[in-house]
Amino acid sequence: MDDAQRRSLFDRIAEALNDHVRPELARDGGDIELVGVDDDKIVQVRLLGSCGGCSSSVYTVTTAAETALKARVPEIRFVEAVP
């Protein structure tokens, strides 16, 4: 994946997070940060605010974030939370 493709993918993921994931998390005092996307199309995110220490954070990433992202950016492989 070249730099232009990586930027385009990153921008599409960021848009999906902003439009479809972030508003849901904000209702509970949380947020999500797009940390990066590697060459294998694995998305790294960081949960912030009340979501950062929540016991349901794995569920949030795998169910809410990954489902929303894959629906809008189907070429990503999966989403992983990073500290």
N, C-alpha and C. Protein backbone atom coordinates (compact mmCIF):
# COMPACT_ATOMS: atom_id res chain seq x y z
N MET A 1 0.86 -1.17 0.00
CA MET A 1 0.00 0.00 0.00
C MET A 1 0.91 1.23 0.00
N ASP A 2 0.72 2.10 -0.98
CA ASP A 2 1.55 3.30 -1.05
C ASP A 2 0.98 4.39 -0.13
N ASP A 3 1.69 5.50 -0.02
CA ASP A 3 1.30 6.57 0.90
C ASP A 3 -0.07 7.16 0.57
N ALA A 4 -0.37 7.34 -0.71
CA ALA A 4 -1.66 7.91 -1.10
C ALA A 4 -2.80 6.96 -0.74
N GLN A 5 -2.62 5.67 -0.95
CA GLN A 5 -3.65 4.69 -0.58
C GLN A 5 -3.82 4.65 0.93
N ARG A 6 -2.71 4.71 1.66
CA ARG A 6 -2.76 4.68 3.13
C ARG A 6 -3.51 5.90 3.66
N ARG A 7 -3.21 7.09 3.07
CA ARG A 7 -3.89 8.32 3.50
C ARG A 7 -5.39 8.24 3.21
N SER A 8 -5.74 7.75 2.03
CA SER A 8 -7.14 7.63 1.66
C SER A 8 -7.88 6.69 2.60
N LEU A 9 -7.27 5.54 2.88
CA LEU A 9 -7.87 4.58 3.80
C LEU A 9 -8.01 5.19 5.20
N PHE A 10 -6.94 5.85 5.66
CA PHE A 10 -6.95 6.49 6.97
C PHE A 10 -8.08 7.53 7.04
N ASP A 11 -8.22 8.34 6.00
CA ASP A 11 -9.25 9.38 5.98
C ASP A 11 -10.66 8.78 5.99
N ARG A 12 -10.87 7.70 5.24
CA ARG A 12 -12.18 7.05 5.23
C ARG A 12 -12.50 6.44 6.58
N ILE A 13 -11.51 5.86 7.23
CA ILE A 13 -11.73 5.28 8.56
C ILE A 13 -12.03 6.39 9.56
N ALA A 14 -11.26 7.47 9.51
CA ALA A 14 -11.49 8.60 10.42
C ALA A 14 -12.89 9.17 10.24
N GLU A 15 -13.33 9.29 9.00
CA GLU A 15 -14.68 9.80 8.74
C GLU A 15 -15.75 8.87 9.32
N ALA A 16 -15.57 7.57 9.15
CA ALA A 16 -16.54 6.61 9.69
C ALA A 16 -16.55 6.66 11.21
N LEU A 17 -15.39 6.79 11.83
CA LEU A 17 -15.33 6.90 13.29
C LEU A 17 -16.05 8.17 13.74
N ASN A 18 -15.77 9.28 13.08
CA ASN A 18 -16.37 10.56 13.46
C ASN A 18 -17.88 10.56 13.29
N ASP A 19 -18.36 9.95 12.23
CA ASP A 19 -19.79 9.99 11.91
C ASP A 19 -20.62 8.92 12.62
N HIS A 20 -20.02 7.76 12.90
CA HIS A 20 -20.83 6.63 13.35
C HIS A 20 -20.42 6.01 14.68
N VAL A 21 -19.21 6.24 15.13
CA VAL A 21 -18.76 5.63 16.39
C VAL A 21 -18.64 6.67 17.49
N ARG A 22 -17.96 7.75 17.19
CA ARG A 22 -17.70 8.79 18.19
C ARG A 22 -18.98 9.33 18.84
N PRO A 23 -20.06 9.60 18.09
CA PRO A 23 -21.27 10.11 18.75
C PRO A 23 -21.85 9.14 19.78
N GLU A 24 -21.79 7.85 19.49
CA GLU A 24 -22.29 6.86 20.45
C GLU A 24 -21.45 6.85 21.72
N LEU A 25 -20.14 6.88 21.57
CA LEU A 25 -19.25 6.87 22.73
C LEU A 25 -19.40 8.15 23.55
N ALA A 26 -19.60 9.27 22.88
CA ALA A 26 -19.72 10.55 23.57
C ALA A 26 -20.93 10.58 24.51
N ARG A 27 -21.96 9.85 24.17
CA ARG A 27 -23.15 9.81 25.04
C ARG A 27 -22.83 9.25 26.43
N ASP A 28 -21.77 8.42 26.48
CA ASP A 28 -21.37 7.84 27.76
C ASP A 28 -20.10 8.48 28.31
N GLY A 29 -19.71 9.61 27.75
CA GLY A 29 -18.53 10.32 28.23
C GLY A 29 -17.22 9.77 27.68
N GLY A 30 -17.29 9.01 26.61
CA GLY A 30 -16.08 8.43 26.04
C GLY A 30 -15.74 9.01 24.69
N ASP A 31 -14.64 8.54 24.16
CA ASP A 31 -14.19 8.98 22.84
C ASP A 31 -13.29 7.89 22.27
N ILE A 32 -12.93 8.04 21.02
CA ILE A 32 -12.06 7.08 20.34
C ILE A 32 -11.08 7.86 19.48
N GLU A 33 -9.84 7.40 19.45
CA GLU A 33 -8.79 8.04 18.66
C GLU A 33 -8.27 7.02 17.65
N LEU A 34 -8.16 7.42 16.41
CA LEU A 34 -7.56 6.58 15.38
C LEU A 34 -6.05 6.73 15.50
N VAL A 35 -5.39 5.67 15.91
CA VAL A 35 -3.95 5.70 16.11
C VAL A 35 -3.22 5.42 14.81
N GLY A 36 -3.69 4.42 14.06
CA GLY A 36 -3.02 4.11 12.81
C GLY A 36 -3.67 2.96 12.07
N VAL A 37 -3.16 2.73 10.88
CA VAL A 37 -3.58 1.62 10.04
C VAL A 37 -2.30 1.04 9.47
N ASP A 38 -2.08 -0.26 9.68
CA ASP A 38 -0.85 -0.84 9.16
C ASP A 38 -1.03 -1.38 7.75
N ASP A 39 0.05 -1.89 7.19
CA ASP A 39 0.01 -2.39 5.81
C ASP A 39 -0.90 -3.59 5.63
N ASP A 40 -1.21 -4.29 6.72
CA ASP A 40 -2.12 -5.43 6.67
C ASP A 40 -3.58 -5.01 6.84
N LYS A 41 -3.81 -3.69 6.85
CA LYS A 41 -5.15 -3.11 6.99
C LYS A 41 -5.80 -3.45 8.33
N ILE A 42 -4.96 -3.47 9.35
CA ILE A 42 -5.42 -3.61 10.73
C ILE A 42 -5.46 -2.21 11.32
N VAL A 43 -6.59 -1.87 11.90
CA VAL A 43 -6.83 -0.52 12.42
C VAL A 43 -6.54 -0.51 13.92
N GLN A 44 -5.71 0.43 14.35
CA GLN A 44 -5.44 0.60 15.78
C GLN A 44 -6.18 1.83 16.29
N VAL A 45 -6.91 1.63 17.37
CA VAL A 45 -7.65 2.73 17.99
C VAL A 45 -7.33 2.78 19.48
N ARG A 46 -7.57 3.92 20.06
CA ARG A 46 -7.40 4.10 21.50
C ARG A 46 -8.71 4.65 22.04
N LEU A 47 -9.23 3.99 23.06
CA LEU A 47 -10.44 4.47 23.72
C LEU A 47 -10.05 5.50 24.77
N LEU A 48 -10.78 6.58 24.84
CA LEU A 48 -10.47 7.69 25.72
C LEU A 48 -11.66 8.01 26.62
N GLY A 49 -11.42 8.88 27.58
CA GLY A 49 -12.49 9.29 28.48
C GLY A 49 -12.98 8.12 29.30
N SER A 50 -14.27 8.08 29.55
CA SER A 50 -14.82 7.00 30.38
C SER A 50 -14.67 5.64 29.71
N CYS A 51 -14.47 5.60 28.40
CA CYS A 51 -14.30 4.33 27.70
C CYS A 51 -12.92 3.73 27.91
N GLY A 52 -11.95 4.57 28.24
CA GLY A 52 -10.58 4.10 28.40
C GLY A 52 -10.41 3.06 29.48
N GLY A 53 -11.10 3.20 30.58
CA GLY A 53 -10.95 2.26 31.68
C GLY A 53 -12.16 1.38 31.89
N CYS A 54 -13.07 1.41 30.96
CA CYS A 54 -14.32 0.67 31.11
C CYS A 54 -14.10 -0.82 30.93
N SER A 55 -14.78 -1.61 31.72
CA SER A 55 -14.66 -3.06 31.61
C SER A 55 -15.28 -3.59 30.32
N SER A 56 -16.08 -2.79 29.66
CA SER A 56 -16.70 -3.20 28.40
C SER A 56 -15.93 -2.71 27.18
N SER A 57 -14.71 -2.23 27.36
CA SER A 57 -13.98 -1.64 26.25
C SER A 57 -13.69 -2.63 25.13
N VAL A 58 -13.43 -3.88 25.44
CA VAL A 58 -13.20 -4.88 24.39
C VAL A 58 -14.46 -5.05 23.57
N TYR A 59 -15.58 -5.10 24.22
CA TYR A 59 -16.87 -5.21 23.54
C TYR A 59 -17.10 -3.98 22.66
N THR A 60 -16.78 -2.81 23.18
CA THR A 60 -16.96 -1.57 22.42
C THR A 60 -16.15 -1.60 21.13
N VAL A 61 -14.90 -2.02 21.23
CA VAL A 61 -14.05 -2.04 20.04
C VAL A 61 -14.52 -3.10 19.06
N THR A 62 -14.75 -4.30 19.54
CA THR A 62 -15.08 -5.37 18.60
C THR A 62 -16.49 -5.26 18.05
N THR A 63 -17.42 -4.84 18.84
CA THR A 63 -18.79 -4.79 18.37
C THR A 63 -19.13 -3.45 17.73
N ALA A 64 -18.97 -2.39 18.45
CA ALA A 64 -19.40 -1.08 17.95
C ALA A 64 -18.44 -0.56 16.88
N ALA A 65 -17.19 -0.41 17.23
CA ALA A 65 -16.24 0.21 16.30
C ALA A 65 -15.98 -0.67 15.09
N GLU A 66 -15.65 -1.93 15.31
CA GLU A 66 -15.30 -2.79 14.18
C GLU A 66 -16.48 -3.01 13.25
N THR A 67 -17.65 -3.21 13.79
CA THR A 67 -18.83 -3.42 12.96
C THR A 67 -19.13 -2.18 12.12
N ALA A 68 -19.08 -1.02 12.74
CA ALA A 68 -19.35 0.23 12.01
C ALA A 68 -18.30 0.48 10.95
N LEU A 69 -17.04 0.24 11.28
CA LEU A 69 -15.98 0.49 10.30
C LEU A 69 -16.04 -0.49 9.14
N LYS A 70 -16.21 -1.76 9.42
CA LYS A 70 -16.25 -2.75 8.34
C LYS A 70 -17.44 -2.53 7.40
N ALA A 71 -18.52 -2.00 7.92
CA ALA A 71 -19.68 -1.71 7.08
C ALA A 71 -19.39 -0.58 6.10
N ARG A 72 -18.49 0.33 6.48
CA ARG A 72 -18.22 1.50 5.66
C ARG A 72 -16.87 1.44 4.95
N VAL A 73 -15.96 0.64 5.49
CA VAL A 73 -14.62 0.47 4.90
C VAL A 73 -14.33 -1.03 4.89
N PRO A 74 -14.95 -1.76 3.98
CA PRO A 74 -14.92 -3.23 4.04
C PRO A 74 -13.54 -3.86 3.86
N GLU A 75 -12.57 -3.13 3.34
CA GLU A 75 -11.27 -3.74 3.13
C GLU A 75 -10.42 -3.87 4.39
N ILE A 76 -10.83 -3.25 5.49
CA ILE A 76 -10.05 -3.42 6.71
C ILE A 76 -10.23 -4.84 7.24
N ARG A 77 -9.19 -5.35 7.88
CA ARG A 77 -9.24 -6.72 8.39
C ARG A 77 -9.90 -6.78 9.76
N PHE A 78 -9.40 -5.99 10.71
CA PHE A 78 -10.02 -5.92 12.02
C PHE A 78 -9.52 -4.68 12.75
N VAL A 79 -10.13 -4.43 13.90
CA VAL A 79 -9.80 -3.26 14.72
C VAL A 79 -9.25 -3.78 16.02
N GLU A 80 -8.15 -3.17 16.48
CA GLU A 80 -7.58 -3.54 17.76
C GLU A 80 -7.37 -2.29 18.61
N ALA A 81 -7.62 -2.46 19.89
CA ALA A 81 -7.40 -1.36 20.84
C ALA A 81 -5.95 -1.39 21.29
N VAL A 82 -5.34 -0.22 21.36
CA VAL A 82 -3.98 -0.08 21.85
C VAL A 82 -3.99 0.87 23.05
N PRO A 83 -3.03 0.69 23.95
CA PRO A 83 -2.98 1.58 25.13
C PRO A 83 -2.58 3.00 24.76
